[in-house]
Amino acid sequence: MRKAFIVAAALALPFAAHAKDQPQWNCSIKAKHANEEARKQAKVGYDQAKATAVGAVKGDSKQLRGGGLEVDRGCLVYRYDVEVAGQKGVEEVVVDAGTGAILAQQHESAVKQTLETAGKMAGGKEH
């Protein structure tokens, strides 16, 4: 088990390094950490952001696989993984915590999901 984690973490490192090179979003709330002070700045609630994220994904049978409030690229955002029946992987949707606008949406393969999880476990959660 430990060996598998080490391999997954090693594979995730290039993704973590690449995240620093990604362009910044035009978000409404800038933050360095998703601490209590930053959480109080969120104008959009969890349920509203979740509904926005799920509604943005095309498909008939959708299920929220996880997500919540976090800091990514210096922005306070909600990030959700939405699974669509019959599709492999998940749709990742990023919602601005201040306006409720969708900042990003992309399909992630099951492999990328596994690598992201390993990277978060290795300490690379905040991008």
C-alpha atoms as a PDB file:
ATOM      1  CA  MET A   1       0.000   0.000   0.000  1.00  0.00           C
ATOM      2  CA  ARG A   2       2.766   2.441   0.926  1.00  0.00           C
ATOM      3  CA  LYS A   3       4.621   1.672  -2.300  1.00  0.00           C
ATOM      4  CA  ALA A   4       1.495   2.437  -4.357  1.00  0.00           C
ATOM      5  CA  PHE A   5       1.087   5.777  -2.559  1.00  0.00           C
ATOM      6  CA  ILE A   6       4.723   6.713  -3.220  1.00  0.00           C
ATOM      7  CA  VAL A   7       4.357   5.877  -6.911  1.00  0.00           C
ATOM      8  CA  ALA A   8       1.103   7.872  -7.164  1.00  0.00           C
ATOM      9  CA  ALA A   9       2.666  10.837  -5.341  1.00  0.00           C
ATOM     10  CA  ALA A  10       5.683  10.768  -7.661  1.00  0.00           C
ATOM     11  CA  LEU A  11       3.409  10.753 -10.689  1.00  0.00           C
ATOM     12  CA  ALA A  12       1.426  13.679  -9.264  1.00  0.00           C
ATOM     13  CA  LEU A  13       4.443  15.970  -8.833  1.00  0.00           C
ATOM     14  CA  PRO A  14       4.511  17.148 -12.466  1.00  0.00           C
ATOM     15  CA  PHE A  15       0.835  18.121 -12.163  1.00  0.00           C
ATOM     16  CA  ALA A  16       1.554  20.115  -8.996  1.00  0.00           C
ATOM     17  CA  ALA A  17       4.452  21.909 -10.693  1.00  0.00           C
ATOM     18  CA  HIS A  18       2.296  22.602 -13.745  1.00  0.00           C
ATOM     19  CA  ALA A  19      -0.440  24.137 -11.566  1.00  0.00           C
ATOM     20  CA  LYS A  20       1.876  27.012 -10.635  1.00  0.00           C
ATOM     21  CA  ASP A  21       2.291  27.847 -14.340  1.00  0.00           C
ATOM     22  CA  GLN A  22      -1.450  28.080 -14.992  1.00  0.00           C
ATOM     23  CA  PRO A  23      -2.978  31.519 -15.597  1.00  0.00           C
ATOM     24  CA  GLN A  24      -4.805  33.270 -12.786  1.00  0.00           C
ATOM     25  CA  TRP A  25      -8.579  33.469 -12.847  1.00  0.00           C
ATOM     26  CA  ASN A  26     -10.473  36.742 -12.783  1.00  0.00           C
ATOM     27  CA  CYS A  27     -12.124  35.985  -9.448  1.00  0.00           C
ATOM     28  CA  SER A  28     -13.863  38.240  -6.959  1.00  0.00           C
ATOM     29  CA  ILE A  29     -12.167  37.093  -3.728  1.00  0.00           C
ATOM     30  CA  LYS A  30      -8.396  36.791  -3.535  1.00  0.00           C
ATOM     31  CA  ALA A  31      -7.024  34.542  -0.791  1.00  0.00           C
ATOM     32  CA  LYS A  32      -3.886  32.656   0.151  1.00  0.00           C
ATOM     33  CA  HIS A  33      -5.459  30.042   2.424  1.00  0.00           C
ATOM     34  CA  ALA A  34      -8.967  28.651   2.908  1.00  0.00           C
ATOM     35  CA  ASN A  35      -8.962  29.579   6.582  1.00  0.00           C
ATOM     36  CA  GLU A  36     -11.889  30.825   8.672  1.00  0.00           C
ATOM     37  CA  GLU A  37     -11.264  34.455   7.713  1.00  0.00           C
ATOM     38  CA  ALA A  38     -11.389  33.608   4.005  1.00  0.00           C
ATOM     39  CA  ARG A  39     -14.483  31.435   4.478  1.00  0.00           C
ATOM     40  CA  LYS A  40     -16.333  34.390   6.008  1.00  0.00           C
ATOM     41  CA  GLN A  41     -15.717  36.360   2.793  1.00  0.00           C
ATOM     42  CA  ALA A  42     -17.652  33.863   0.666  1.00  0.00           C
ATOM     43  CA  LYS A  43     -20.875  35.499  -0.504  1.00  0.00           C
ATOM     44  CA  VAL A  44     -22.134  32.363  -2.223  1.00  0.00           C
ATOM     45  CA  GLY A  45     -23.215  29.462  -0.035  1.00  0.00           C
ATOM     46  CA  TYR A  46     -22.223  25.825  -0.449  1.00  0.00           C
ATOM     47  CA  ASP A  47     -25.680  24.733  -1.662  1.00  0.00           C
ATOM     48  CA  GLN A  48     -25.954  27.543  -4.218  1.00  0.00           C
ATOM     49  CA  ALA A  49     -22.463  26.841  -5.590  1.00  0.00           C
ATOM     50  CA  LYS A  50     -23.219  23.111  -5.714  1.00  0.00           C
ATOM     51  CA  ALA A  51     -26.441  23.719  -7.667  1.00  0.00           C
ATOM     52  CA  THR A  52     -24.560  25.966 -10.109  1.00  0.00           C
ATOM     53  CA  ALA A  53     -21.855  23.348 -10.644  1.00  0.00           C
ATOM     54  CA  VAL A  54     -24.256  20.445 -11.143  1.00  0.00           C
ATOM     55  CA  GLY A  55     -26.443  22.561 -13.435  1.00  0.00           C
ATOM     56  CA  ALA A  56     -23.462  23.444 -15.636  1.00  0.00           C
ATOM     57  CA  VAL A  57     -22.741  19.794 -16.440  1.00  0.00           C
ATOM     58  CA  LYS A  58     -24.596  18.261 -19.377  1.00  0.00           C
ATOM     59  CA  GLY A  59     -26.231  14.900 -18.898  1.00  0.00           C
ATOM     60  CA  ASP A  60     -29.381  13.352 -17.506  1.00  0.00           C
ATOM     61  CA  SER A  61     -28.139  11.394 -14.518  1.00  0.00           C
ATOM     62  CA  LYS A  62     -25.563  13.414 -12.535  1.00  0.00           C
ATOM     63  CA  GLN A  63     -24.131  12.803  -9.085  1.00  0.00           C
ATOM     64  CA  LEU A  64     -21.901  15.047  -7.002  1.00  0.00           C
ATOM     65  CA  ARG A  65     -18.726  13.120  -6.135  1.00  0.00           C
ATOM     66  CA  GLY A  66     -17.125  15.674  -3.853  1.00  0.00           C
ATOM     67  CA  GLY A  67     -15.990  19.202  -3.477  1.00  0.00           C
ATOM     68  CA  GLY A  68     -16.104  22.286  -1.360  1.00  0.00           C
ATOM     69  CA  LEU A  69     -14.512  25.623  -0.610  1.00  0.00           C
ATOM     70  CA  GLU A  70     -10.792  25.994  -1.289  1.00  0.00           C
ATOM     71  CA  VAL A  71      -8.136  28.356  -2.575  1.00  0.00           C
ATOM     72  CA  ASP A  72      -6.857  27.768  -6.088  1.00  0.00           C
ATOM     73  CA  ARG A  73      -4.657  30.149  -8.100  1.00  0.00           C
ATOM     74  CA  GLY A  74      -5.042  32.755  -5.381  1.00  0.00           C
ATOM     75  CA  CYS A  75      -8.853  32.695  -5.572  1.00  0.00           C
ATOM     76  CA  LEU A  76     -11.460  31.568  -3.048  1.00  0.00           C
ATOM     77  CA  VAL A  77     -13.548  29.074  -5.009  1.00  0.00           C
ATOM     78  CA  TYR A  78     -15.830  26.107  -4.703  1.00  0.00           C
ATOM     79  CA  ARG A  79     -14.534  23.099  -6.647  1.00  0.00           C
ATOM     80  CA  TYR A  80     -16.871  20.192  -7.378  1.00  0.00           C
ATOM     81  CA  ASP A  81     -16.497  16.859  -9.141  1.00  0.00           C
ATOM     82  CA  VAL A  82     -19.685  15.821 -10.914  1.00  0.00           C
ATOM     83  CA  GLU A  83     -20.094  12.301 -12.252  1.00  0.00           C
ATOM     84  CA  VAL A  84     -22.332  11.695 -15.273  1.00  0.00           C
ATOM     85  CA  ALA A  85     -23.846   8.245 -15.765  1.00  0.00           C
ATOM     86  CA  GLY A  86     -22.245   6.431 -18.691  1.00  0.00           C
ATOM     87  CA  GLN A  87     -19.091   8.580 -18.742  1.00  0.00           C
ATOM     88  CA  LYS A  88     -15.685   7.702 -17.347  1.00  0.00           C
ATOM     89  CA  GLY A  89     -14.077  10.233 -15.055  1.00  0.00           C
ATOM     90  CA  VAL A  90     -15.772  13.374 -13.737  1.00  0.00           C
ATOM     91  CA  GLU A  91     -16.563  16.914 -14.782  1.00  0.00           C
ATOM     92  CA  GLU A  92     -14.667  19.329 -12.545  1.00  0.00           C
ATOM     93  CA  VAL A  93     -16.430  22.667 -12.095  1.00  0.00           C
ATOM     94  CA  VAL A  94     -14.913  25.685 -10.325  1.00  0.00           C
ATOM     95  CA  VAL A  95     -17.338  28.318  -8.994  1.00  0.00           C
ATOM     96  CA  ASP A  96     -16.347  31.799  -7.769  1.00  0.00           C
ATOM     97  CA  ALA A  97     -17.174  32.010  -4.046  1.00  0.00           C
ATOM     98  CA  GLY A  98     -18.014  35.696  -4.335  1.00  0.00           C
ATOM     99  CA  THR A  99     -20.196  35.862  -7.443  1.00  0.00           C
ATOM    100  CA  GLY A 100     -21.314  32.299  -8.158  1.00  0.00           C
ATOM    101  CA  ALA A 101     -19.882  32.535 -11.683  1.00  0.00           C
ATOM    102  CA  ILE A 102     -18.252  29.479 -13.220  1.00  0.00           C
ATOM    103  CA  LEU A 103     -14.526  30.121 -13.534  1.00  0.00           C
ATOM    104  CA  ALA A 104     -13.576  26.787 -15.101  1.00  0.00           C
ATOM    105  CA  GLN A 105     -15.026  23.486 -16.203  1.00  0.00           C
ATOM    106  CA  GLN A 106     -13.154  20.495 -17.566  1.00  0.00           C
ATOM    107  CA  HIS A 107     -13.423  16.747 -17.895  1.00  0.00           C
ATOM    108  CA  GLU A 108     -10.990  14.758 -15.770  1.00  0.00           C
ATOM    109  CA  SER A 109     -10.185  11.156 -16.476  1.00  0.00           C
ATOM    110  CA  ALA A 110     -10.204   8.594 -13.685  1.00  0.00           C
ATOM    111  CA  VAL A 111      -6.386   8.498 -13.877  1.00  0.00           C
ATOM    112  CA  LYS A 112      -6.084  12.268 -13.415  1.00  0.00           C
ATOM    113  CA  GLN A 113      -8.515  12.105 -10.464  1.00  0.00           C
ATOM    114  CA  THR A 114      -6.324   9.463  -8.808  1.00  0.00           C
ATOM    115  CA  LEU A 115      -3.190  11.535  -9.383  1.00  0.00           C
ATOM    116  CA  GLU A 116      -4.843  14.687  -7.989  1.00  0.00           C
ATOM    117  CA  THR A 117      -5.933  12.806  -4.882  1.00  0.00           C
ATOM    118  CA  ALA A 118      -2.400  11.498  -4.399  1.00  0.00           C
ATOM    119  CA  GLY A 119      -1.011  15.019  -4.841  1.00  0.00           C
ATOM    120  CA  LYS A 120      -3.413  16.393  -2.223  1.00  0.00           C
ATOM    121  CA  MET A 121      -2.429  13.640   0.182  1.00  0.00           C
ATOM    122  CA  ALA A 122       1.225  14.515  -0.433  1.00  0.00           C
ATOM    123  CA  GLY A 123       0.555  18.120   0.567  1.00  0.00           C
ATOM    124  CA  GLY A 124      -0.130  19.830  -2.759  1.00  0.00           C
ATOM    125  CA  LYS A 125      -3.780  20.776  -2.145  1.00  0.00           C
ATOM    126  CA  GLU A 126      -3.575  24.516  -2.686  1.00  0.00           C
ATOM    127  CA  HIS A 127      -2.597  25.501  -6.227  1.00  0.00           C
END
